[in-house]
């Protein structure tokens, strides 16, 4: 497909001669009421015929966020037998259970002596980091 070729919502909009925003509103339950019923029906029928399924990632890219939370725990085997960490992780998972957020649980991999350098790759594609590892000094916190 050429770069100029529309796809997804833009293709639906082009075929119907309407804006992509109208198509988007019609396909989202929380905004569907903003589109006239006859137009909404037309959009939904075409979307079904084209087997179109919205890409939830596109919304996050447009908003500039990724619904991912990274939880960093110590790189020690005992963590998995610790009552504290098991309750802590269960609480995090419970808190996001009813959302569309993803939780990644990881450990820090040494990147030289710098805590920041070790944390940076983990935080690049997420919107939040919870650090539950060993205490940090004031330089690392800053």
Protein backbone atom coordinates (compact mmCIF):
# COMPACT_ATOMS: atom_id res chain seq x y z
CA UNK A 1 0.00 0.00 0.00
CA UNK A 2 1.30 3.43 -0.90
CA UNK A 3 1.86 5.98 1.84
CA UNK A 4 -0.94 8.19 0.39
CA UNK A 5 -3.48 5.36 0.34
CA UNK A 6 -6.00 5.75 3.13
CA UNK A 7 -6.67 2.87 5.47
CA UNK A 8 -8.85 2.23 8.49
CA UNK A 9 -11.07 5.10 9.54
CA UNK A 10 -9.77 7.34 6.75
CA UNK A 11 -10.74 4.77 4.11
CA UNK A 12 -14.24 4.43 5.60
CA UNK A 13 -14.59 8.21 5.64
CA UNK A 14 -13.42 8.53 2.04
CA UNK A 15 -15.85 5.87 0.82
CA UNK A 16 -18.74 7.63 2.55
CA UNK A 17 -17.61 11.16 1.71
CA UNK A 18 -17.49 12.24 5.36
CA UNK A 19 -14.80 13.18 7.86
CA UNK A 20 -12.68 10.66 9.70
CA UNK A 21 -13.80 12.34 12.94
CA UNK A 22 -17.44 11.48 12.16
CA UNK A 23 -16.52 7.85 11.51
CA UNK A 24 -14.53 7.73 14.75
CA UNK A 25 -17.42 9.22 16.75
CA UNK A 26 -19.91 6.78 15.23
CA UNK A 27 -17.79 3.74 16.07
CA UNK A 28 -17.09 4.69 19.69
CA UNK A 29 -19.93 3.83 22.09
CA UNK A 30 -19.20 6.86 24.27
CA UNK A 31 -19.54 9.30 21.32
CA UNK A 32 -21.93 7.46 18.97
CA UNK A 33 -24.85 9.60 20.17
CA UNK A 34 -23.19 12.60 18.50
CA UNK A 35 -23.76 11.11 15.03
CA UNK A 36 -27.21 11.07 13.43
CA UNK A 37 -28.69 7.56 13.66
CA UNK A 38 -29.03 7.07 9.89
CA UNK A 39 -25.39 8.13 9.32
CA UNK A 40 -24.20 5.95 12.22
CA UNK A 41 -26.01 2.94 10.74
CA UNK A 42 -24.41 3.59 7.34
CA UNK A 43 -20.94 3.80 8.92
CA UNK A 44 -21.40 0.64 10.96
CA UNK A 45 -22.69 -1.32 7.96
CA UNK A 46 -19.71 -0.30 5.84
CA UNK A 47 -17.29 -1.03 8.69
CA UNK A 48 -18.83 -4.51 9.05
CA UNK A 49 -18.70 -5.12 5.29
CA UNK A 50 -15.02 -4.10 5.23
CA UNK A 51 -14.35 -6.15 8.39
CA UNK A 52 -12.95 -3.01 10.00
CA UNK A 53 -11.94 -3.23 13.64
CA UNK A 54 -10.70 -0.10 15.45
CA UNK A 55 -7.08 -0.15 16.49
CA UNK A 56 -6.98 0.81 20.19
CA UNK A 57 -3.28 1.60 19.87
CA UNK A 58 -4.04 4.39 17.40
CA UNK A 59 -5.95 6.32 20.05
CA UNK A 60 -3.04 6.07 22.47
CA UNK A 61 -0.57 7.24 19.85
CA UNK A 62 -2.79 10.23 19.09
CA UNK A 63 -3.03 11.04 22.81
CA UNK A 64 0.72 10.61 23.18
CA UNK A 65 0.48 7.91 25.79
CA UNK A 66 0.89 4.19 26.06
CA UNK A 67 -1.38 2.52 28.65
CA UNK A 68 1.44 0.48 30.08
CA UNK A 69 2.72 0.50 33.64
CA UNK A 70 6.14 -0.99 34.36
CA UNK A 71 6.75 -2.36 37.85
CA UNK A 72 10.43 -2.77 38.66
CA UNK A 73 11.25 -5.28 41.39
CA UNK A 74 14.60 -6.48 42.77
CA UNK A 75 16.47 -9.04 40.72
CA UNK A 76 16.47 -11.62 43.53
CA UNK A 77 14.82 -15.02 43.66
CA UNK A 78 13.50 -14.37 47.17
CA UNK A 79 11.15 -11.71 45.78
CA UNK A 80 8.85 -14.42 44.46
CA UNK A 81 8.49 -15.92 47.94
CA UNK A 82 8.09 -12.59 49.71
CA UNK A 83 4.71 -11.80 51.24
CA UNK A 84 5.34 -8.08 50.75
CA UNK A 85 6.04 -8.32 47.02
CA UNK A 86 3.26 -10.81 46.37
CA UNK A 87 0.72 -8.53 48.07
CA UNK A 88 2.17 -5.45 46.42
CA UNK A 89 2.03 -6.98 42.93
CA UNK A 90 -1.46 -8.37 43.56
CA UNK A 91 -2.57 -4.87 44.55
CA UNK A 92 -1.13 -3.34 41.39
CA UNK A 93 -2.78 -5.97 39.21
CA UNK A 94 -6.08 -5.54 41.04
CA UNK A 95 -5.94 -1.74 40.62
CA UNK A 96 -5.64 -1.98 36.84
CA UNK A 97 -7.88 -5.02 36.33
CA UNK A 98 -10.89 -3.00 35.20
CA UNK A 99 -8.87 -0.71 32.91
CA UNK A 100 -7.26 -1.23 29.54
CA UNK A 101 -3.79 -0.76 31.01
CA UNK A 102 -1.09 -3.38 30.69
CA UNK A 103 1.25 -4.17 33.57
CA UNK A 104 4.81 -5.33 32.93
CA UNK A 105 6.80 -6.71 35.81
CA UNK A 106 10.54 -6.62 35.34
CA UNK A 107 13.88 -6.27 37.07
CA UNK A 108 16.69 -3.82 36.36
CA UNK A 109 19.47 -5.13 34.21
CA UNK A 110 22.82 -3.56 35.08
CA UNK A 111 23.88 -0.79 32.67
CA UNK A 112 27.23 0.13 34.16
CA UNK A 113 27.00 2.03 37.43
CA UNK A 114 24.09 4.29 36.53
CA UNK A 115 20.63 3.60 37.89
CA UNK A 116 19.19 6.10 35.40
CA UNK A 117 20.82 4.31 32.45
CA UNK A 118 19.39 1.00 33.65
CA UNK A 119 15.90 2.45 34.11
CA UNK A 120 15.75 4.43 30.85
CA UNK A 121 15.08 1.48 28.45
CA UNK A 122 12.31 0.21 30.74
CA UNK A 123 10.50 3.53 30.73
CA UNK A 124 10.65 4.37 27.02
CA UNK A 125 7.40 2.77 25.91
CA UNK A 126 5.22 3.20 28.97
CA UNK A 127 3.30 5.91 30.77
CA UNK A 128 4.34 5.00 34.27
CA UNK A 129 7.02 3.25 36.27
CA UNK A 130 6.73 1.95 39.82
CA UNK A 131 10.12 1.26 41.32
CA UNK A 132 9.90 -1.24 44.18
CA UNK A 133 13.55 -2.15 44.44
CA UNK A 134 16.32 -1.35 46.86
CA UNK A 135 16.45 2.16 48.34
CA UNK A 136 17.93 4.85 46.12
CA UNK A 137 20.34 7.59 47.07
CA UNK A 138 19.41 11.25 46.50
CA UNK A 139 21.37 11.47 43.23
CA UNK A 140 19.53 8.46 41.79
CA UNK A 141 16.17 9.92 42.83
CA UNK A 142 16.91 13.24 41.14
